[in-house]
Amino acid sequence: MGLLLIDEFKFDHAIFQIGNGEFTTEGLQYGYKKLYNFLGLHKKTDAGLTVIVTQKWMFMSVIHQPYHRE
């Protein structure tokens, strides 16, 4: 399956759809690696990640700055 992007999200992100029977260790590793490569995280060594996983999809977003500052 391919990756999805949400037009309204104006930041680096991608969604990997998890197919039936793919919610396994190998399936999650494959999805993570696909998202990692798509977002170019090997070039962004100072960035953090937000990852949300459900049985149907995995969302990944790059963090370039803190969520909140006092």
Protein backbone atom coordinates (compact mmCIF):
# COMPACT_ATOMS: atom_id res chain seq x y z
CA MET A 1 0.00 0.00 0.00
CA GLY A 2 1.09 3.56 -0.57
CA LEU A 3 1.48 6.59 1.64
CA LEU A 4 -1.18 9.24 2.20
CA LEU A 5 -0.73 12.95 2.81
CA ILE A 6 -3.30 15.36 4.23
CA ASP A 7 -3.35 18.64 2.29
CA GLU A 8 -4.49 20.68 5.30
CA PHE A 9 -1.41 19.65 7.33
CA LYS A 10 1.25 22.21 6.41
CA PHE A 11 4.11 20.26 7.99
CA ASP A 12 6.17 17.16 7.13
CA HIS A 13 3.99 14.10 7.68
CA ALA A 14 2.78 10.88 6.05
CA ILE A 15 0.31 8.10 6.77
CA PHE A 16 0.98 4.44 6.01
CA GLN A 17 -2.11 2.28 5.61
CA ILE A 18 -1.85 -1.11 7.34
CA GLY A 19 -3.62 -3.85 5.41
CA ASN A 20 -5.45 -6.87 6.81
CA GLY A 21 -3.00 -9.28 8.41
CA GLU A 22 -0.14 -6.74 8.30
CA PHE A 23 -0.42 -5.63 11.95
CA THR A 24 2.65 -7.69 12.83
CA THR A 25 6.16 -6.84 13.95
CA GLU A 26 7.40 -7.16 10.38
CA GLY A 27 4.50 -5.13 8.98
CA LEU A 28 5.05 -2.31 11.47
CA GLN A 29 8.80 -2.30 10.81
CA TYR A 30 8.15 -2.11 7.07
CA GLY A 31 5.72 0.79 7.52
CA TYR A 32 8.09 2.65 9.84
CA LYS A 33 10.99 2.28 7.39
CA LYS A 34 8.82 3.43 4.48
CA LEU A 35 7.73 6.54 6.40
CA TYR A 36 11.29 7.17 7.65
CA ASN A 37 12.69 7.11 4.11
CA PHE A 38 9.83 9.16 2.62
CA LEU A 39 10.28 11.92 5.21
CA GLY A 40 14.08 11.89 4.73
CA LEU A 41 14.77 11.41 8.42
CA HIS A 42 18.27 10.10 7.74
CA LYS A 43 19.10 13.71 6.73
CA LYS A 44 17.33 15.33 9.71
CA THR A 45 19.44 14.20 12.64
CA ASP A 46 18.28 17.09 14.86
CA ALA A 47 14.56 16.38 14.41
CA GLY A 48 12.17 14.48 16.65
CA LEU A 49 9.19 12.32 15.74
CA THR A 50 5.55 11.91 16.53
CA VAL A 51 4.27 8.43 15.68
CA ILE A 52 0.67 7.29 16.15
CA VAL A 53 -0.21 3.67 15.38
CA THR A 54 -3.62 2.05 15.09
CA GLN A 55 -4.57 -1.32 13.62
CA LYS A 56 -5.42 0.38 10.30
CA TRP A 57 -2.77 3.08 9.88
CA MET A 58 0.50 4.58 11.13
CA PHE A 59 0.97 8.37 11.22
CA MET A 60 4.43 9.94 11.38
CA SER A 61 5.35 13.61 11.65
CA VAL A 62 8.68 15.39 12.05
CA ILE A 63 9.22 17.77 14.99
CA HIS A 64 11.57 20.70 14.37
CA GLN A 65 10.81 22.73 17.49
CA PRO A 66 9.14 22.26 20.87
CA TYR A 67 5.37 21.84 21.00
CA HIS A 68 5.13 24.53 23.66
CA ARG A 69 7.37 27.21 25.11
CA GLU A 70 6.84 29.03 28.40
